[in-house]
Every structure is written in C-alpha cells, then in structure tokens.
Amino acid sequence: MKIAMPVCGNRVSTVFDAADELLIIDNTTGASPELSRIHWSDDTLIARTTQIRELGVQVLICGALSDTVERMLNAAGVQVIPFIRGTADEVFEAFRNGRLQEKRFYLPGCIPCEGQEQQRRNLCGFRKEGTKNKP
C-alpha cells in the first residue's frame, strides 16, 4: 500500500495547499516501509491531485483540504484521511496500528463524529454532505 502525507519538514502540513513536499510511504512488502520525498511538480491543486494519482497513492493522510480536492482524490480512488496533525513518523505509526482516531492526532477544533470515522466533518465546520455550515 502506498500512503502519502503532504509535509512541511517532518510534520504533516496543517493545510494541504501549503505543503512543501509529499512524503510517500510504500508499505507494499510488509517489511520496513520505503520512504521517499517528492517535491510538487506544480503548485496548482489540480496538478497536485494528478501527481498523487500518478504516483499510485492509495491513502492520503493530511491536514485541512478543500472539499473539491477531496472529491477529486476520492474519484481517483484515493482514500483521504483529513484533519490530521503530528509528525510524519507518529502519524504513520498510528495509522499502521489503527490508532489514528486518537484525539491527539486531530487538528484543533476537529472532533470525530460518533460512529462515522470517515465523516468527521460534522463538527469540523462542514456538514456531512461536505458543504460549509453557516455561522
């Protein structure tokens, strides 16, 4: 499985658009995962989503991102796990061990919805449909 995280240094970038590069973790063999860093070929969001798809990424773990980008990635077959924070190492380890739902990995203000681990948006300023809540 190929997992990607937009990073700034060794931390998951809090905003997808602001990431300096993409950390790719290839865990296909099951042994020690292979790590590589990719600099974005272009700064546009369309180019970034295309690059992620072309790299064969199956899971993207990231901070905040727009609903449009998330839908584009999902349409390309990429599972998106948004609103995550922490160092790349601890986030990957938590993902691998099924502990990424721990509150310490959520961006401030993001509270998971009970029984809807992939739809955390209800309490993160988004409705389940992905449209912005009115203040």
C-alpha atoms as a PDB file:
ATOM      1  CA  MET A   1       0.000   0.000   0.000  1.00  0.00           C
ATOM      2  CA  LYS A   2       1.253   3.467  -0.863  1.00  0.00           C
ATOM      3  CA  ILE A   3       0.469   6.149   1.684  1.00  0.00           C
ATOM      4  CA  ALA A   4       1.186   9.843   1.148  1.00  0.00           C
ATOM      5  CA  MET A   5       1.379  12.768   3.537  1.00  0.00           C
ATOM      6  CA  PRO A   6       1.852  16.399   2.490  1.00  0.00           C
ATOM      7  CA  VAL A   7       4.618  17.587   4.819  1.00  0.00           C
ATOM      8  CA  CYS A   8       6.492  20.668   5.940  1.00  0.00           C
ATOM      9  CA  GLY A   9       9.744  19.357   7.372  1.00  0.00           C
ATOM     10  CA  ASN A  10       8.830  16.236   9.333  1.00  0.00           C
ATOM     11  CA  ARG A  11       5.302  17.316  10.234  1.00  0.00           C
ATOM     12  CA  VAL A  12       2.054  16.706   8.411  1.00  0.00           C
ATOM     13  CA  SER A  13       1.232  20.034   6.797  1.00  0.00           C
ATOM     14  CA  THR A  14      -1.761  21.599   8.523  1.00  0.00           C
ATOM     15  CA  VAL A  15      -3.038  22.816   5.144  1.00  0.00           C
ATOM     16  CA  PHE A  16      -2.748  20.687   2.003  1.00  0.00           C
ATOM     17  CA  ASP A  17      -2.123  23.779  -0.159  1.00  0.00           C
ATOM     18  CA  ALA A  18       0.816  24.901   1.997  1.00  0.00           C
ATOM     19  CA  ALA A  19       2.820  21.674   1.936  1.00  0.00           C
ATOM     20  CA  ASP A  20       6.391  21.904   0.683  1.00  0.00           C
ATOM     21  CA  GLU A  21       6.564  18.311  -0.439  1.00  0.00           C
ATOM     22  CA  LEU A  22       4.881  14.951  -0.345  1.00  0.00           C
ATOM     23  CA  LEU A  23       6.164  12.077   1.789  1.00  0.00           C
ATOM     24  CA  ILE A  24       5.473   8.721   0.148  1.00  0.00           C
ATOM     25  CA  ILE A  25       5.479   5.605   2.320  1.00  0.00           C
ATOM     26  CA  ASP A  26       5.462   2.390   0.335  1.00  0.00           C
ATOM     27  CA  ASN A  27       4.412  -0.349   2.708  1.00  0.00           C
ATOM     28  CA  THR A  28       3.719  -2.908  -0.021  1.00  0.00           C
ATOM     29  CA  THR A  29       6.229  -5.538   1.023  1.00  0.00           C
ATOM     30  CA  GLY A  30       5.161  -5.607   4.664  1.00  0.00           C
ATOM     31  CA  ALA A  31       8.782  -5.343   5.803  1.00  0.00           C
ATOM     32  CA  SER A  32      10.354  -1.976   6.518  1.00  0.00           C
ATOM     33  CA  PRO A  33       8.416   0.687   4.633  1.00  0.00           C
ATOM     34  CA  GLU A  34      10.272   2.556   1.890  1.00  0.00           C
ATOM     35  CA  LEU A  35      10.209   6.329   2.309  1.00  0.00           C
ATOM     36  CA  SER A  36      10.666   8.923  -0.393  1.00  0.00           C
ATOM     37  CA  ARG A  37      10.018  12.631  -0.647  1.00  0.00           C
ATOM     38  CA  ILE A  38       8.597  14.209  -3.760  1.00  0.00           C
ATOM     39  CA  HIS A  39       8.633  17.925  -4.464  1.00  0.00           C
ATOM     40  CA  TRP A  40       5.440  19.109  -6.092  1.00  0.00           C
ATOM     41  CA  SER A  41       5.804  19.391  -9.856  1.00  0.00           C
ATOM     42  CA  ASP A  42       3.328  22.294  -9.851  1.00  0.00           C
ATOM     43  CA  ASP A  43       1.614  24.357  -7.158  1.00  0.00           C
ATOM     44  CA  THR A  44      -1.925  24.126  -8.511  1.00  0.00           C
ATOM     45  CA  LEU A  45      -4.329  21.859  -6.663  1.00  0.00           C
ATOM     46  CA  ILE A  46      -5.282  20.068  -9.871  1.00  0.00           C
ATOM     47  CA  ALA A  47      -1.612  19.296 -10.583  1.00  0.00           C
ATOM     48  CA  ARG A  48      -1.108  18.079  -7.012  1.00  0.00           C
ATOM     49  CA  THR A  49      -4.076  15.726  -7.147  1.00  0.00           C
ATOM     50  CA  THR A  50      -2.931  14.463 -10.552  1.00  0.00           C
ATOM     51  CA  GLN A  51       0.571  13.836  -9.219  1.00  0.00           C
ATOM     52  CA  ILE A  52      -0.805  11.905  -6.234  1.00  0.00           C
ATOM     53  CA  ARG A  53      -2.890   9.741  -8.569  1.00  0.00           C
ATOM     54  CA  GLU A  54       0.044   9.151 -10.952  1.00  0.00           C
ATOM     55  CA  LEU A  55       2.252   8.064  -8.054  1.00  0.00           C
ATOM     56  CA  GLY A  56      -0.191   5.253  -7.293  1.00  0.00           C
ATOM     57  CA  VAL A  57      -1.074   6.552  -3.820  1.00  0.00           C
ATOM     58  CA  GLN A  58      -3.942   4.665  -2.197  1.00  0.00           C
ATOM     59  CA  VAL A  59      -4.244   6.634   1.055  1.00  0.00           C
ATOM     60  CA  LEU A  60      -3.614  10.345   1.647  1.00  0.00           C
ATOM     61  CA  ILE A  61      -3.277  11.420   5.278  1.00  0.00           C
ATOM     62  CA  CYS A  62      -3.370  15.206   5.527  1.00  0.00           C
ATOM     63  CA  GLY A  63      -4.391  18.281   7.429  1.00  0.00           C
ATOM     64  CA  ALA A  64      -7.111  20.572   6.130  1.00  0.00           C
ATOM     65  CA  LEU A  65      -8.044  20.497   2.463  1.00  0.00           C
ATOM     66  CA  SER A  66     -10.917  21.720   0.369  1.00  0.00           C
ATOM     67  CA  ASP A  67     -13.920  19.559  -0.282  1.00  0.00           C
ATOM     68  CA  THR A  68     -13.264  19.870  -4.033  1.00  0.00           C
ATOM     69  CA  VAL A  69      -9.752  18.440  -3.721  1.00  0.00           C
ATOM     70  CA  GLU A  70     -11.003  15.639  -1.502  1.00  0.00           C
ATOM     71  CA  ARG A  71     -13.712  14.725  -4.023  1.00  0.00           C
ATOM     72  CA  MET A  72     -11.160  14.746  -6.867  1.00  0.00           C
ATOM     73  CA  LEU A  73      -8.876  12.427  -4.917  1.00  0.00           C
ATOM     74  CA  ASN A  74     -11.740  10.116  -3.938  1.00  0.00           C
ATOM     75  CA  ALA A  75     -12.845   9.957  -7.581  1.00  0.00           C
ATOM     76  CA  ALA A  76      -9.283   8.897  -8.466  1.00  0.00           C
ATOM     77  CA  GLY A  77      -9.526   6.027  -5.967  1.00  0.00           C
ATOM     78  CA  VAL A  78      -7.504   7.689  -3.195  1.00  0.00           C
ATOM     79  CA  GLN A  79      -8.829   7.310   0.361  1.00  0.00           C
ATOM     80  CA  VAL A  80      -8.434  10.675   2.120  1.00  0.00           C
ATOM     81  CA  ILE A  81      -7.980  10.883   5.884  1.00  0.00           C
ATOM     82  CA  PRO A  82      -8.206  14.633   6.557  1.00  0.00           C
ATOM     83  CA  PHE A  83      -7.721  16.959   9.535  1.00  0.00           C
ATOM     84  CA  ILE A  84      -4.717  15.085  10.936  1.00  0.00           C
ATOM     85  CA  ARG A  85      -1.677  16.602  12.648  1.00  0.00           C
ATOM     86  CA  GLY A  86       1.607  15.403  14.120  1.00  0.00           C
ATOM     87  CA  THR A  87       4.990  14.257  12.975  1.00  0.00           C
ATOM     88  CA  ALA A  88       5.010  12.042   9.910  1.00  0.00           C
ATOM     89  CA  ASP A  89       6.558   9.191  11.914  1.00  0.00           C
ATOM     90  CA  GLU A  90       3.976   9.197  14.703  1.00  0.00           C
ATOM     91  CA  VAL A  91       1.068   9.645  12.299  1.00  0.00           C
ATOM     92  CA  PHE A  92       2.200   6.728  10.127  1.00  0.00           C
ATOM     93  CA  GLU A  93       2.747   4.528  13.187  1.00  0.00           C
ATOM     94  CA  ALA A  94      -0.729   5.408  14.480  1.00  0.00           C
ATOM     95  CA  PHE A  95      -2.243   4.670  11.053  1.00  0.00           C
ATOM     96  CA  ARG A  96      -0.462   1.334  10.862  1.00  0.00           C
ATOM     97  CA  ASN A  97      -1.626   0.349  14.348  1.00  0.00           C
ATOM     98  CA  GLY A  98      -5.216   1.582  13.972  1.00  0.00           C
ATOM     99  CA  ARG A  99      -4.763   4.440  16.448  1.00  0.00           C
ATOM    100  CA  LEU A 100      -5.166   7.430  14.112  1.00  0.00           C
ATOM    101  CA  GLN A 101      -8.606   8.122  15.599  1.00  0.00           C
ATOM    102  CA  GLU A 102      -6.963   9.230  18.881  1.00  0.00           C
ATOM    103  CA  LYS A 103      -7.900  12.813  19.676  1.00  0.00           C
ATOM    104  CA  ARG A 104      -4.272  13.987  19.782  1.00  0.00           C
ATOM    105  CA  PHE A 105      -3.964  13.479  16.015  1.00  0.00           C
ATOM    106  CA  TYR A 106      -6.893  15.773  15.136  1.00  0.00           C
ATOM    107  CA  LEU A 107      -6.350  19.360  14.130  1.00  0.00           C
ATOM    108  CA  PRO A 108      -7.668  21.791  16.781  1.00  0.00           C
ATOM    109  CA  GLY A 109     -11.444  22.142  16.512  1.00  0.00           C
ATOM    110  CA  CYS A 110     -11.902  18.767  14.798  1.00  0.00           C
ATOM    111  CA  ILE A 111     -13.933  16.287  16.797  1.00  0.00           C
ATOM    112  CA  PRO A 112     -14.801  12.940  15.221  1.00  0.00           C
ATOM    113  CA  CYS A 113     -18.427  12.048  14.716  1.00  0.00           C
ATOM    114  CA  GLU A 114     -19.502   9.071  16.730  1.00  0.00           C
ATOM    115  CA  GLY A 115     -19.736   6.006  14.503  1.00  0.00           C
ATOM    116  CA  GLN A 116     -18.631   7.898  11.382  1.00  0.00           C
ATOM    117  CA  GLU A 117     -14.836   7.767  11.401  1.00  0.00           C
ATOM    118  CA  GLN A 118     -14.538   8.721   7.701  1.00  0.00           C
ATOM    119  CA  GLN A 119     -17.062  11.564   8.036  1.00  0.00           C
ATOM    120  CA  ARG A 120     -15.510  13.715  10.757  1.00  0.00           C
ATOM    121  CA  ARG A 121     -16.712  16.884   9.096  1.00  0.00           C
ATOM    122  CA  ASN A 122     -19.956  17.317  11.018  1.00  0.00           C
ATOM    123  CA  LEU A 123     -18.148  19.045  13.864  1.00  0.00           C
ATOM    124  CA  CYS A 124     -15.258  20.496  11.836  1.00  0.00           C
ATOM    125  CA  GLY A 125     -17.214  23.301  10.185  1.00  0.00           C
ATOM    126  CA  PHE A 126     -18.678  21.056   7.484  1.00  0.00           C
ATOM    127  CA  ARG A 127     -21.933  19.188   7.163  1.00  0.00           C
ATOM    128  CA  LYS A 128     -21.890  15.527   6.237  1.00  0.00           C
ATOM    129  CA  GLU A 129     -22.578  16.463   2.593  1.00  0.00           C
ATOM    130  CA  GLY A 130     -19.349  18.486   2.564  1.00  0.00           C
ATOM    131  CA  THR A 131     -20.905  21.937   2.311  1.00  0.00           C
ATOM    132  CA  LYS A 132     -19.836  24.744   4.602  1.00  0.00           C
ATOM    133  CA  ASN A 133     -22.041  25.328   7.648  1.00  0.00           C
ATOM    134  CA  LYS A 134     -23.409  28.826   8.031  1.00  0.00           C
ATOM    135  CA  PRO A 135     -22.153  30.588  11.201  1.00  0.00           C
END
